[in-house]
């Protein structure tokens, strides 16, 4: 597999991004939605990508290999003045692309994008038993700030979720 091309997604990526999210829903229990819960269609995803493009502190970055999306990271910035400098991150990488630098590449792209868009804090949640993701986030400078005990049911069992964040240099004034 060649190295992925990382780029900001736009409305034309709606079909590919939807297919990627649906594939992730099917192949892993580490994403929030189960396969039959996603209600979006291509038009909804395109509209959302358009809205993100019109928002200064939000972005969706995709990883593309051989014309196919294999991963994505989205950062959604706060919507009011007091939390505008914080962005919540969601990231997903297909199993076939796992272990090839896609996840770390996506997180690095967010870190490069963030300061120019007024973001000082990137935060995310991860299921506590998702060791591979937890290790990636820690390698990339995220720290655990809290634990929500038994807040999710995955495969019929209660699961803890960890809150993690990374502070970037030079907070906006």
Protein backbone atom coordinates (compact mmCIF):
# COMPACT_ATOMS: atom_id res chain seq x y z
CA UNK A 1 0.00 0.00 0.00
CA UNK A 2 1.40 3.39 -0.98
CA UNK A 3 1.44 6.25 1.51
CA UNK A 4 -1.87 8.06 1.79
CA UNK A 5 -2.56 11.47 0.36
CA UNK A 6 -3.93 13.67 3.14
CA UNK A 7 -6.20 16.57 2.22
CA UNK A 8 -9.12 18.65 3.39
CA UNK A 9 -12.42 17.09 2.36
CA UNK A 10 -15.05 18.97 0.42
CA UNK A 11 -18.66 18.30 -0.64
CA UNK A 12 -17.43 16.24 -3.61
CA UNK A 13 -16.06 13.71 -1.09
CA UNK A 14 -19.52 12.97 0.34
CA UNK A 15 -20.03 9.57 -1.29
CA UNK A 16 -16.52 8.38 -0.43
CA UNK A 17 -16.70 9.65 3.15
CA UNK A 18 -20.09 8.06 3.69
CA UNK A 19 -18.79 4.74 2.32
CA UNK A 20 -15.75 5.00 4.61
CA UNK A 21 -17.89 5.67 7.70
CA UNK A 22 -20.23 2.80 6.82
CA UNK A 23 -17.26 0.47 6.37
CA UNK A 24 -15.88 1.52 9.76
CA UNK A 25 -19.29 0.93 11.36
CA UNK A 26 -19.19 -2.63 10.02
CA UNK A 27 -15.57 -3.55 10.71
CA UNK A 28 -14.93 -2.19 14.19
CA UNK A 29 -16.77 -1.84 17.47
CA UNK A 30 -14.49 1.06 18.46
CA UNK A 31 -16.56 3.66 16.58
CA UNK A 32 -19.70 4.99 18.27
CA UNK A 33 -22.30 3.88 15.74
CA UNK A 34 -23.32 0.31 15.05
CA UNK A 35 -23.81 -0.68 11.38
CA UNK A 36 -27.58 -0.15 11.32
CA UNK A 37 -27.55 3.22 13.15
CA UNK A 38 -26.09 5.56 10.53
CA UNK A 39 -28.98 7.55 9.04
CA UNK A 40 -27.00 9.89 6.80
CA UNK A 41 -27.16 9.77 3.04
CA UNK A 42 -24.79 11.32 0.50
CA UNK A 43 -26.76 14.59 0.43
CA UNK A 44 -26.57 14.98 4.21
CA UNK A 45 -22.83 14.30 4.21
CA UNK A 46 -22.29 16.79 1.34
CA UNK A 47 -24.29 19.45 3.20
CA UNK A 48 -22.30 18.80 6.38
CA UNK A 49 -18.99 19.04 4.51
CA UNK A 50 -20.17 22.32 2.99
CA UNK A 51 -21.10 23.64 6.43
CA UNK A 52 -17.72 22.59 7.84
CA UNK A 53 -15.98 24.40 4.97
CA UNK A 54 -17.89 27.56 5.92
CA UNK A 55 -16.84 27.28 9.58
CA UNK A 56 -13.45 28.78 10.41
CA UNK A 57 -12.66 26.43 13.31
CA UNK A 58 -13.81 23.05 11.92
CA UNK A 59 -12.34 20.72 9.31
CA UNK A 60 -12.58 17.21 7.89
CA UNK A 61 -9.31 15.74 6.64
CA UNK A 62 -9.29 12.54 4.60
CA UNK A 63 -6.59 10.00 3.81
CA UNK A 64 -6.78 8.68 0.26
CA UNK A 65 -4.93 5.73 -1.24
CA UNK A 66 -5.36 4.56 -4.83
CA UNK A 67 -8.45 6.76 -5.23
CA UNK A 68 -10.19 5.36 -2.14
CA UNK A 69 -10.68 7.00 1.25
CA UNK A 70 -9.03 4.86 3.95
CA UNK A 71 -9.25 7.23 6.91
CA UNK A 72 -10.59 10.54 8.13
CA UNK A 73 -10.26 12.94 11.02
CA UNK A 74 -12.72 15.65 11.78
CA UNK A 75 -12.28 18.51 14.20
CA UNK A 76 -15.38 20.46 15.24
CA UNK A 77 -14.63 23.74 16.91
CA UNK A 78 -16.72 25.30 19.64
CA UNK A 79 -19.54 27.54 18.51
CA UNK A 80 -19.40 30.33 21.07
CA UNK A 81 -16.59 32.73 22.01
CA UNK A 82 -15.63 30.93 25.22
CA UNK A 83 -15.07 27.52 23.59
CA UNK A 84 -14.19 28.52 20.03
CA UNK A 85 -10.53 27.59 20.61
CA UNK A 86 -11.40 23.96 21.44
CA UNK A 87 -12.13 21.33 18.80
CA UNK A 88 -13.54 17.87 19.36
CA UNK A 89 -11.81 15.26 17.20
CA UNK A 90 -13.23 12.07 15.68
CA UNK A 91 -10.88 9.81 13.75
CA UNK A 92 -11.36 6.54 11.91
CA UNK A 93 -8.97 4.39 9.85
CA UNK A 94 -9.85 1.23 7.95
CA UNK A 95 -8.23 -1.96 9.25
CA UNK A 96 -6.48 -2.47 5.89
CA UNK A 97 -4.71 0.89 6.36
CA UNK A 98 -3.99 0.45 10.07
CA UNK A 99 -0.37 0.44 11.19
CA UNK A 100 0.76 2.38 8.11
CA UNK A 101 0.94 5.88 9.56
CA UNK A 102 -2.53 6.96 8.48
CA UNK A 103 -3.79 7.78 11.98
CA UNK A 104 -0.66 9.64 13.03
CA UNK A 105 -0.63 11.46 9.68
CA UNK A 106 -4.22 12.60 10.15
CA UNK A 107 -3.52 13.83 13.68
CA UNK A 108 -0.39 15.71 12.50
CA UNK A 109 -2.47 17.38 9.77
CA UNK A 110 -4.97 18.53 12.40
CA UNK A 111 -2.13 19.92 14.50
CA UNK A 112 -0.80 21.85 11.50
CA UNK A 113 -4.26 23.13 10.60
CA UNK A 114 -5.37 24.09 14.13
CA UNK A 115 -3.24 27.17 15.04
CA UNK A 116 -4.12 29.01 11.84
CA UNK A 117 -7.80 28.50 12.66
CA UNK A 118 -7.75 29.67 16.28
CA UNK A 119 -7.65 26.19 17.83
CA UNK A 120 -5.55 25.73 20.98
CA UNK A 121 -7.05 22.51 22.33
CA UNK A 122 -7.81 19.26 20.50
CA UNK A 123 -9.88 16.79 22.49
CA UNK A 124 -11.33 13.36 21.87
CA UNK A 125 -12.80 10.32 23.53
CA UNK A 126 -11.60 6.74 23.19
CA UNK A 127 -12.94 3.47 24.55
CA UNK A 128 -10.65 2.50 27.41
CA UNK A 129 -10.03 -0.99 25.98
CA UNK A 130 -8.94 0.39 22.58
CA UNK A 131 -5.24 0.02 23.44
CA UNK A 132 -3.96 0.66 19.93
CA UNK A 133 -5.75 4.00 19.63
CA UNK A 134 -4.86 4.96 23.20
CA UNK A 135 -1.16 4.34 22.49
CA UNK A 136 -1.36 6.36 19.26
CA UNK A 137 -2.98 9.32 21.01
CA UNK A 138 -0.42 9.23 23.81
CA UNK A 139 2.45 9.07 21.28
CA UNK A 140 0.95 12.13 19.58
CA UNK A 141 0.93 14.11 22.85
CA UNK A 142 -2.64 13.57 24.09
CA UNK A 143 -3.13 12.98 27.80
CA UNK A 144 -5.98 11.34 29.66
CA UNK A 145 -8.02 13.93 31.52
CA UNK A 146 -10.86 11.76 32.77
CA UNK A 147 -12.80 8.52 32.62
CA UNK A 148 -16.53 7.96 32.13
CA UNK A 149 -17.19 4.62 33.79
CA UNK A 150 -19.50 2.15 32.03
CA UNK A 151 -20.98 4.85 29.80
CA UNK A 152 -21.22 2.69 26.66
CA UNK A 153 -22.50 -0.80 25.88
CA UNK A 154 -20.31 -2.59 23.33
CA UNK A 155 -20.97 -6.19 22.36
CA UNK A 156 -23.37 -6.44 25.30
CA UNK A 157 -20.83 -5.31 27.90
CA UNK A 158 -20.36 -1.99 29.71
CA UNK A 159 -17.30 -0.05 28.53
CA UNK A 160 -15.44 2.92 29.99
CA UNK A 161 -14.56 5.90 27.83
CA UNK A 162 -11.50 8.09 28.34
CA UNK A 163 -11.38 11.83 27.71
CA UNK A 164 -8.08 12.90 26.19
CA UNK A 165 -6.74 16.25 25.03
CA UNK A 166 -3.71 17.90 23.55
CA UNK A 167 -2.91 21.54 24.15
CA UNK A 168 -1.20 23.29 21.27
CA UNK A 169 1.29 26.15 21.69
CA UNK A 170 0.34 29.80 21.83
CA UNK A 171 -3.30 30.00 22.91
CA UNK A 172 -5.30 32.72 21.15
CA UNK A 173 -5.91 35.89 23.14
